[in-house]
């Protein structure tokens, strides 16, 4: 589980720091969640459920050409909520 969380959290941290293209991130994060959540679920079901419910939904809101700042703000909010389950 530790490695799975590192991968996901590192992606989000890079995005929030402005080091990840918003459009790329909006596609990459849901794909990575599919790859990693199976490792998180057996250890922390609540965390896995929050990640699955919140993060892809925020990514779905972003469209090419949108201002990335509202997307970043929503992702930060969702990320903080997810981390509360740690």
PDB file of N, CA and C in Angstrom:
ATOM      1  N   UNK A   1       0.823  -1.190   0.000  1.00  0.00           N
ATOM      2  CA  UNK A   1       0.000   0.000   0.000  1.00  0.00           C
ATOM      3  C   UNK A   1       0.870   1.258   0.000  1.00  0.00           C
ATOM      4  N   UNK A   2       1.961   1.244   0.747  1.00  0.00           N
ATOM      5  CA  UNK A   2       2.819   2.430   0.848  1.00  0.00           C
ATOM      6  C   UNK A   2       3.269   2.928  -0.523  1.00  0.00           C
ATOM      7  N   UNK A   3       3.738   2.018  -1.355  1.00  0.00           N
ATOM      8  CA  UNK A   3       4.227   2.407  -2.681  1.00  0.00           C
ATOM      9  C   UNK A   3       3.090   2.965  -3.545  1.00  0.00           C
ATOM     10  N   UNK A   4       1.925   2.349  -3.456  1.00  0.00           N
ATOM     11  CA  UNK A   4       0.765   2.819  -4.226  1.00  0.00           C
ATOM     12  C   UNK A   4       0.406   4.247  -3.828  1.00  0.00           C
ATOM     13  N   UNK A   5       0.397   4.527  -2.538  1.00  0.00           N
ATOM     14  CA  UNK A   5       0.081   5.880  -2.080  1.00  0.00           C
ATOM     15  C   UNK A   5       1.157   6.870  -2.501  1.00  0.00           C
ATOM     16  N   UNK A   6       2.409   6.468  -2.441  1.00  0.00           N
ATOM     17  CA  UNK A   6       3.493   7.358  -2.876  1.00  0.00           C
ATOM     18  C   UNK A   6       3.305   7.765  -4.330  1.00  0.00           C
ATOM     19  N   UNK A   7       2.973   6.800  -5.169  1.00  0.00           N
ATOM     20  CA  UNK A   7       2.787   7.087  -6.593  1.00  0.00           C
ATOM     21  C   UNK A   7       1.659   8.097  -6.794  1.00  0.00           C
ATOM     22  N   UNK A   8       0.528   7.842  -6.167  1.00  0.00           N
ATOM     23  CA  UNK A   8      -0.645   8.708  -6.342  1.00  0.00           C
ATOM     24  C   UNK A   8      -0.409  10.083  -5.721  1.00  0.00           C
ATOM     25  N   UNK A   9       0.079  10.107  -4.491  1.00  0.00           N
ATOM     26  CA  UNK A   9       0.283  11.382  -3.808  1.00  0.00           C
ATOM     27  C   UNK A   9       1.370  12.207  -4.493  1.00  0.00           C
ATOM     28  N   UNK A  10       2.402  11.562  -5.024  1.00  0.00           N
ATOM     29  CA  UNK A  10       3.458  12.275  -5.739  1.00  0.00           C
ATOM     30  C   UNK A  10       2.874  12.960  -6.988  1.00  0.00           C
ATOM     31  N   UNK A  11       2.006  12.259  -7.687  1.00  0.00           N
ATOM     32  CA  UNK A  11       1.367  12.849  -8.871  1.00  0.00           C
ATOM     33  C   UNK A  11       0.575  14.102  -8.482  1.00  0.00           C
ATOM     34  N   UNK A  12      -0.213  13.971  -7.432  1.00  0.00           N
ATOM     35  CA  UNK A  12      -1.046  15.101  -7.003  1.00  0.00           C
ATOM     36  C   UNK A  12      -0.171  16.255  -6.530  1.00  0.00           C
ATOM     37  N   UNK A  13       0.856  15.956  -5.758  1.00  0.00           N
ATOM     38  CA  UNK A  13       1.759  17.014  -5.285  1.00  0.00           C
ATOM     39  C   UNK A  13       2.424  17.746  -6.446  1.00  0.00           C
ATOM     40  N   UNK A  14       2.862  17.002  -7.457  1.00  0.00           N
ATOM     41  CA  UNK A  14       3.476  17.623  -8.641  1.00  0.00           C
ATOM     42  C   UNK A  14       2.474  18.545  -9.334  1.00  0.00           C
ATOM     43  N   UNK A  15       1.256  18.087  -9.471  1.00  0.00           N
ATOM     44  CA  UNK A  15       0.229  18.901 -10.118  1.00  0.00           C
ATOM     45  C   UNK A  15      -0.035  20.181  -9.324  1.00  0.00           C
ATOM     46  N   UNK A  16      -0.228  20.034  -8.019  1.00  0.00           N
ATOM     47  CA  UNK A  16      -0.528  21.201  -7.189  1.00  0.00           C
ATOM     48  C   UNK A  16       0.624  22.197  -7.159  1.00  0.00           C
ATOM     49  N   UNK A  17       1.847  21.712  -7.345  1.00  0.00           N
ATOM     50  CA  UNK A  17       3.025  22.589  -7.375  1.00  0.00           C
ATOM     51  C   UNK A  17       3.222  23.243  -8.739  1.00  0.00           C
ATOM     52  N   UNK A  18       2.390  22.877  -9.713  1.00  0.00           N
ATOM     53  CA  UNK A  18       2.495  23.468 -11.045  1.00  0.00           C
ATOM     54  C   UNK A  18       3.474  22.758 -11.961  1.00  0.00           C
ATOM     55  N   UNK A  19       3.859  21.537 -11.593  1.00  0.00           N
ATOM     56  CA  UNK A  19       4.841  20.776 -12.366  1.00  0.00           C
ATOM     57  C   UNK A  19       4.231  19.629 -13.162  1.00  0.00           C
ATOM     58  N   UNK A  20       2.951  19.714 -13.465  1.00  0.00           N
ATOM     59  CA  UNK A  20       2.267  18.654 -14.213  1.00  0.00           C
ATOM     60  C   UNK A  20       1.199  19.333 -15.057  1.00  0.00           C
ATOM     61  N   UNK A  21       1.227  19.118 -16.337  1.00  0.00           N
ATOM     62  CA  UNK A  21       0.231  19.708 -17.230  1.00  0.00           C
ATOM     63  C   UNK A  21      -1.180  19.308 -16.776  1.00  0.00           C
ATOM     64  N   UNK A  22      -2.083  20.270 -16.601  1.00  0.00           N
ATOM     65  CA  UNK A  22      -3.419  19.956 -16.088  1.00  0.00           C
ATOM     66  C   UNK A  22      -4.189  18.940 -16.931  1.00  0.00           C
ATOM     67  N   UNK A  23      -4.132  19.061 -18.247  1.00  0.00           N
ATOM     68  CA  UNK A  23      -4.870  18.120 -19.083  1.00  0.00           C
ATOM     69  C   UNK A  23      -4.294  16.715 -18.956  1.00  0.00           C
ATOM     70  N   UNK A  24      -2.975  16.618 -19.011  1.00  0.00           N
ATOM     71  CA  UNK A  24      -2.323  15.317 -18.850  1.00  0.00           C
ATOM     72  C   UNK A  24      -2.674  14.705 -17.493  1.00  0.00           C
ATOM     73  N   UNK A  25      -2.594  15.524 -16.458  1.00  0.00           N
ATOM     74  CA  UNK A  25      -2.909  15.064 -15.106  1.00  0.00           C
ATOM     75  C   UNK A  25      -4.350  14.559 -15.021  1.00  0.00           C
ATOM     76  N   UNK A  26      -5.268  15.268 -15.660  1.00  0.00           N
ATOM     77  CA  UNK A  26      -6.680  14.886 -15.575  1.00  0.00           C
ATOM     78  C   UNK A  26      -6.946  13.521 -16.206  1.00  0.00           C
ATOM     79  N   UNK A  27      -6.067  13.088 -17.099  1.00  0.00           N
ATOM     80  CA  UNK A  27      -6.165  11.746 -17.684  1.00  0.00           C
ATOM     81  C   UNK A  27      -5.312  10.736 -16.922  1.00  0.00           C
ATOM     82  N   UNK A  28      -4.125  11.153 -16.508  1.00  0.00           N
ATOM     83  CA  UNK A  28      -3.175  10.233 -15.880  1.00  0.00           C
ATOM     84  C   UNK A  28      -3.610   9.772 -14.489  1.00  0.00           C
ATOM     85  N   UNK A  29      -4.147  10.685 -13.688  1.00  0.00           N
ATOM     86  CA  UNK A  29      -4.499  10.309 -12.314  1.00  0.00           C
ATOM     87  C   UNK A  29      -5.583   9.222 -12.272  1.00  0.00           C
ATOM     88  N   UNK A  30      -6.691   9.348 -12.992  1.00  0.00           N
ATOM     89  CA  UNK A  30      -7.675   8.256 -12.942  1.00  0.00           C
ATOM     90  C   UNK A  30      -7.098   6.917 -13.413  1.00  0.00           C
ATOM     91  N   UNK A  31      -6.259   6.949 -14.431  1.00  0.00           N
ATOM     92  CA  UNK A  31      -5.641   5.711 -14.903  1.00  0.00           C
ATOM     93  C   UNK A  31      -4.765   5.110 -13.806  1.00  0.00           C
ATOM     94  N   UNK A  32      -3.983   5.935 -13.137  1.00  0.00           N
ATOM     95  CA  UNK A  32      -3.112   5.444 -12.063  1.00  0.00           C
ATOM     96  C   UNK A  32      -3.923   4.925 -10.883  1.00  0.00           C
ATOM     97  N   UNK A  33      -5.047   5.560 -10.603  1.00  0.00           N
ATOM     98  CA  UNK A  33      -5.913   5.061  -9.534  1.00  0.00           C
ATOM     99  C   UNK A  33      -6.388   3.647  -9.836  1.00  0.00           C
ATOM    100  N   UNK A  34      -6.755   3.391 -11.071  1.00  0.00           N
ATOM    101  CA  UNK A  34      -7.175   2.037 -11.463  1.00  0.00           C
ATOM    102  C   UNK A  34      -6.051   1.051 -11.187  1.00  0.00           C
ATOM    103  N   UNK A  35      -4.824   1.452 -11.470  1.00  0.00           N
ATOM    104  CA  UNK A  35      -3.674   0.574 -11.277  1.00  0.00           C
ATOM    105  C   UNK A  35      -3.352   0.347  -9.801  1.00  0.00           C
ATOM    106  N   UNK A  36      -3.573   1.326  -8.955  1.00  0.00           N
ATOM    107  CA  UNK A  36      -3.063   1.283  -7.583  1.00  0.00           C
ATOM    108  C   UNK A  36      -4.108   1.018  -6.489  1.00  0.00           C
ATOM    109  N   UNK A  37      -5.364   1.309  -6.722  1.00  0.00           N
ATOM    110  CA  UNK A  37      -6.347   1.208  -5.637  1.00  0.00           C
ATOM    111  C   UNK A  37      -6.528  -0.217  -5.122  1.00  0.00           C
ATOM    112  N   UNK A  38      -6.292  -1.198  -5.950  1.00  0.00           N
ATOM    113  CA  UNK A  38      -6.393  -2.581  -5.492  1.00  0.00           C
ATOM    114  C   UNK A  38      -5.394  -2.907  -4.398  1.00  0.00           C
ATOM    115  N   UNK A  39      -4.306  -2.155  -4.337  1.00  0.00           N
ATOM    116  CA  UNK A  39      -3.293  -2.350  -3.297  1.00  0.00           C
ATOM    117  C   UNK A  39      -3.668  -1.611  -2.010  1.00  0.00           C
ATOM    118  N   UNK A  40      -4.474  -0.578  -2.141  1.00  0.00           N
ATOM    119  CA  UNK A  40      -4.868   0.230  -0.988  1.00  0.00           C
ATOM    120  C   UNK A  40      -6.103  -0.366  -0.314  1.00  0.00           C
ATOM    121  N   UNK A  41      -7.054  -0.841  -1.091  1.00  0.00           N
ATOM    122  CA  UNK A  41      -8.345  -1.290  -0.570  1.00  0.00           C
ATOM    123  C   UNK A  41      -8.238  -2.334   0.543  1.00  0.00           C
ATOM    124  N   UNK A  42      -7.428  -3.388   0.405  1.00  0.00           N
ATOM    125  CA  UNK A  42      -7.374  -4.395   1.475  1.00  0.00           C
ATOM    126  C   UNK A  42      -6.836  -3.854   2.803  1.00  0.00           C
ATOM    127  N   UNK A  43      -6.053  -2.787   2.735  1.00  0.00           N
ATOM    128  CA  UNK A  43      -5.409  -2.244   3.931  1.00  0.00           C
ATOM    129  C   UNK A  43      -6.226  -1.106   4.554  1.00  0.00           C
ATOM    130  N   UNK A  44      -6.812  -0.252   3.723  1.00  0.00           N
ATOM    131  CA  UNK A  44      -7.574   0.901   4.210  1.00  0.00           C
ATOM    132  C   UNK A  44      -8.741   1.153   3.257  1.00  0.00           C
ATOM    133  N   UNK A  45      -9.857   0.526   3.549  1.00  0.00           N
ATOM    134  CA  UNK A  45     -11.030   0.617   2.672  1.00  0.00           C
ATOM    135  C   UNK A  45     -11.572   2.036   2.576  1.00  0.00           C
ATOM    136  N   UNK A  46     -11.584   2.749   3.690  1.00  0.00           N
ATOM    137  CA  UNK A  46     -12.115   4.110   3.668  1.00  0.00           C
ATOM    138  C   UNK A  46     -11.262   5.015   2.779  1.00  0.00           C
ATOM    139  N   UNK A  47      -9.962   4.909   2.905  1.00  0.00           N
ATOM    140  CA  UNK A  47      -9.061   5.704   2.073  1.00  0.00           C
ATOM    141  C   UNK A  47      -9.265   5.382   0.596  1.00  0.00           C
ATOM    142  N   UNK A  48      -9.309   4.103   0.272  1.00  0.00           N
ATOM    143  CA  UNK A  48      -9.504   3.691  -1.117  1.00  0.00           C
ATOM    144  C   UNK A  48     -10.842   4.200  -1.654  1.00  0.00           C
ATOM    145  N   UNK A  49     -11.877   4.123  -0.840  1.00  0.00           N
ATOM    146  CA  UNK A  49     -13.198   4.586  -1.270  1.00  0.00           C
ATOM    147  C   UNK A  49     -13.210   6.088  -1.509  1.00  0.00           C
ATOM    148  N   UNK A  50     -12.576   6.837  -0.610  1.00  0.00           N
ATOM    149  CA  UNK A  50     -12.509   8.297  -0.790  1.00  0.00           C
ATOM    150  C   UNK A  50     -11.742   8.645  -2.062  1.00  0.00           C
ATOM    151  N   UNK A  51     -10.628   7.959  -2.284  1.00  0.00           N
ATOM    152  CA  UNK A  51      -9.835   8.223  -3.487  1.00  0.00           C
ATOM    153  C   UNK A  51     -10.665   7.922  -4.729  1.00  0.00           C
ATOM    154  N   UNK A  52     -11.351   6.817  -4.722  1.00  0.00           N
ATOM    155  CA  UNK A  52     -12.151   6.400  -5.875  1.00  0.00           C
ATOM    156  C   UNK A  52     -13.340   7.330  -6.112  1.00  0.00           C
ATOM    157  N   UNK A  53     -13.939   7.816  -5.050  1.00  0.00           N
ATOM    158  CA  UNK A  53     -15.126   8.674  -5.176  1.00  0.00           C
ATOM    159  C   UNK A  53     -14.774  10.114  -5.549  1.00  0.00           C
ATOM    160  N   UNK A  54     -13.703  10.640  -4.976  1.00  0.00           N
ATOM    161  CA  UNK A  54     -13.409  12.066  -5.094  1.00  0.00           C
ATOM    162  C   UNK A  54     -12.506  12.435  -6.264  1.00  0.00           C
ATOM    163  N   UNK A  55     -11.388  11.754  -6.387  1.00  0.00           N
ATOM    164  CA  UNK A  55     -10.349  12.214  -7.313  1.00  0.00           C
ATOM    165  C   UNK A  55     -10.746  12.125  -8.792  1.00  0.00           C
ATOM    166  N   UNK A  56     -11.314  11.006  -9.259  1.00  0.00           N
ATOM    167  CA  UNK A  56     -11.717  10.976 -10.675  1.00  0.00           C
ATOM    168  C   UNK A  56     -12.811  11.991 -11.006  1.00  0.00           C
ATOM    169  N   UNK A  57     -13.677  12.247 -10.041  1.00  0.00           N
ATOM    170  CA  UNK A  57     -14.758  13.218 -10.258  1.00  0.00           C
ATOM    171  C   UNK A  57     -14.188  14.609 -10.510  1.00  0.00           C
ATOM    172  N   UNK A  58     -13.185  14.977  -9.732  1.00  0.00           N
ATOM    173  CA  UNK A  58     -12.547  16.282  -9.929  1.00  0.00           C
ATOM    174  C   UNK A  58     -11.846  16.313 -11.290  1.00  0.00           C
ATOM    175  N   UNK A  59     -11.163  15.237 -11.641  1.00  0.00           N
ATOM    176  CA  UNK A  59     -10.471  15.188 -12.937  1.00  0.00           C
ATOM    177  C   UNK A  59     -11.452  15.313 -14.096  1.00  0.00           C
ATOM    178  N   UNK A  60     -12.634  14.747 -13.955  1.00  0.00           N
ATOM    179  CA  UNK A  60     -13.649  14.819 -15.011  1.00  0.00           C
ATOM    180  C   UNK A  60     -14.121  16.242 -15.274  1.00  0.00           C
ATOM    181  N   UNK A  61     -13.955  17.114 -14.314  1.00  0.00           N
ATOM    182  CA  UNK A  61     -14.432  18.493 -14.459  1.00  0.00           C
ATOM    183  C   UNK A  61     -13.544  19.326 -15.375  1.00  0.00           C
ATOM    184  N   UNK A  62     -12.285  18.931 -15.546  1.00  0.00           N
ATOM    185  CA  UNK A  62     -11.350  19.751 -16.317  1.00  0.00           C
ATOM    186  C   UNK A  62     -11.455  19.457 -17.803  1.00  0.00           C
ATOM    187  N   UNK A  63     -11.508  20.516 -18.591  1.00  0.00           N
ATOM    188  CA  UNK A  63     -11.553  20.423 -20.052  1.00  0.00           C
ATOM    189  C   UNK A  63     -10.371  21.202 -20.633  1.00  0.00           C
ATOM    190  N   UNK A  64      -9.898  20.772 -21.761  1.00  0.00           N
ATOM    191  CA  UNK A  64      -8.805  21.458 -22.452  1.00  0.00           C
ATOM    192  C   UNK A  64      -9.147  22.936 -22.616  1.00  0.00           C
ATOM    193  N   UNK A  65      -8.215  23.776 -22.238  1.00  0.00           N
ATOM    194  CA  UNK A  65      -8.395  25.218 -22.384  1.00  0.00           C
ATOM    195  C   UNK A  65      -9.001  25.894 -21.170  1.00  0.00           C
ATOM    196  N   UNK A  66      -9.504  25.112 -20.208  1.00  0.00           N
ATOM    197  CA  UNK A  66     -10.051  25.706 -18.984  1.00  0.00           C
ATOM    198  C   UNK A  66      -8.932  26.345 -18.164  1.00  0.00           C
ATOM    199  N   UNK A  67      -9.304  27.313 -17.361  1.00  0.00           N
ATOM    200  CA  UNK A  67      -8.370  27.880 -16.393  1.00  0.00           C
ATOM    201  C   UNK A  67      -8.036  26.778 -15.382  1.00  0.00           C
ATOM    202  N   UNK A  68      -6.762  26.449 -15.199  1.00  0.00           N
ATOM    203  CA  UNK A  68      -6.415  25.352 -14.303  1.00  0.00           C
ATOM    204  C   UNK A  68      -6.554  25.680 -12.812  1.00  0.00           C
ATOM    205  N   UNK A  69      -6.668  26.948 -12.460  1.00  0.00           N
ATOM    206  CA  UNK A  69      -6.699  27.312 -11.037  1.00  0.00           C
ATOM    207  C   UNK A  69      -7.921  26.753 -10.297  1.00  0.00           C
ATOM    208  N   UNK A  70      -9.133  26.845 -10.834  1.00  0.00           N
ATOM    209  CA  UNK A  70     -10.260  26.213 -10.137  1.00  0.00           C
ATOM    210  C   UNK A  70     -10.087  24.691 -10.023  1.00  0.00           C
ATOM    211  N   UNK A  71      -9.509  24.080 -11.041  1.00  0.00           N
ATOM    212  CA  UNK A  71      -9.227  22.645 -11.019  1.00  0.00           C
ATOM    213  C   UNK A  71      -8.238  22.335  -9.890  1.00  0.00           C
ATOM    214  N   UNK A  72      -7.189  23.131  -9.781  1.00  0.00           N
ATOM    215  CA  UNK A  72      -6.209  22.926  -8.705  1.00  0.00           C
ATOM    216  C   UNK A  72      -6.864  23.081  -7.338  1.00  0.00           C
ATOM    217  N   UNK A  73      -7.702  24.088  -7.195  1.00  0.00           N
ATOM    218  CA  UNK A  73      -8.365  24.333  -5.905  1.00  0.00           C
ATOM    219  C   UNK A  73      -9.263  23.154  -5.526  1.00  0.00           C
ATOM    220  N   UNK A  74     -10.019  22.647  -6.491  1.00  0.00           N
ATOM    221  CA  UNK A  74     -10.892  21.500  -6.218  1.00  0.00           C
ATOM    222  C   UNK A  74     -10.066  20.255  -5.909  1.00  0.00           C
ATOM    223  N   UNK A  75      -8.957  20.072  -6.630  1.00  0.00           N
ATOM    224  CA  UNK A  75      -8.108  18.911  -6.375  1.00  0.00           C
ATOM    225  C   UNK A  75      -7.491  19.004  -4.986  1.00  0.00           C
ATOM    226  N   UNK A  76      -7.055  20.187  -4.584  1.00  0.00           N
ATOM    227  CA  UNK A  76      -6.481  20.376  -3.245  1.00  0.00           C
ATOM    228  C   UNK A  76      -7.510  20.027  -2.182  1.00  0.00           C
ATOM    229  N   UNK A  77      -8.736  20.476  -2.373  1.00  0.00           N
ATOM    230  CA  UNK A  77      -9.815  20.185  -1.435  1.00  0.00           C
ATOM    231  C   UNK A  77     -10.073  18.668  -1.353  1.00  0.00           C
ATOM    232  N   UNK A  78     -10.149  18.021  -2.496  1.00  0.00           N
ATOM    233  CA  UNK A  78     -10.383  16.572  -2.533  1.00  0.00           C
ATOM    234  C   UNK A  78      -9.197  15.819  -1.926  1.00  0.00           C
ATOM    235  N   UNK A  79      -8.003  16.265  -2.215  1.00  0.00           N
ATOM    236  CA  UNK A  79      -6.775  15.640  -1.697  1.00  0.00           C
ATOM    237  C   UNK A  79      -6.751  15.725  -0.166  1.00  0.00           C
ATOM    238  N   UNK A  80      -7.068  16.880   0.371  1.00  0.00           N
ATOM    239  CA  UNK A  80      -7.115  17.042   1.834  1.00  0.00           C
ATOM    240  C   UNK A  80      -8.159  16.115   2.448  1.00  0.00           C
ATOM    241  N   UNK A  81      -9.303  16.006   1.818  1.00  0.00           N
ATOM    242  CA  UNK A  81     -10.359  15.113   2.299  1.00  0.00           C
ATOM    243  C   UNK A  81      -9.893  13.662   2.271  1.00  0.00           C
ATOM    244  N   UNK A  82      -9.250  13.253   1.194  1.00  0.00           N
ATOM    245  CA  UNK A  82      -8.746  11.884   1.075  1.00  0.00           C
ATOM    246  C   UNK A  82      -7.735  11.596   2.181  1.00  0.00           C
ATOM    247  N   UNK A  83      -6.816  12.514   2.400  1.00  0.00           N
ATOM    248  CA  UNK A  83      -5.751  12.292   3.385  1.00  0.00           C
ATOM    249  C   UNK A  83      -6.280  12.208   4.825  1.00  0.00           C
ATOM    250  N   UNK A  84      -7.476  12.719   5.074  1.00  0.00           N
ATOM    251  CA  UNK A  84      -8.071  12.600   6.406  1.00  0.00           C
ATOM    252  C   UNK A  84      -8.308  11.138   6.784  1.00  0.00           C
ATOM    253  N   UNK A  85      -8.394  10.257   5.800  1.00  0.00           N
ATOM    254  CA  UNK A  85      -8.650   8.838   6.061  1.00  0.00           C
ATOM    255  C   UNK A  85      -7.363   8.055   6.374  1.00  0.00           C
ATOM    256  N   UNK A  86      -6.234   8.728   6.339  1.00  0.00           N
ATOM    257  CA  UNK A  86      -4.971   8.051   6.666  1.00  0.00           C
ATOM    258  C   UNK A  86      -4.867   7.749   8.149  1.00  0.00           C
TER     259      UNK A  86
END
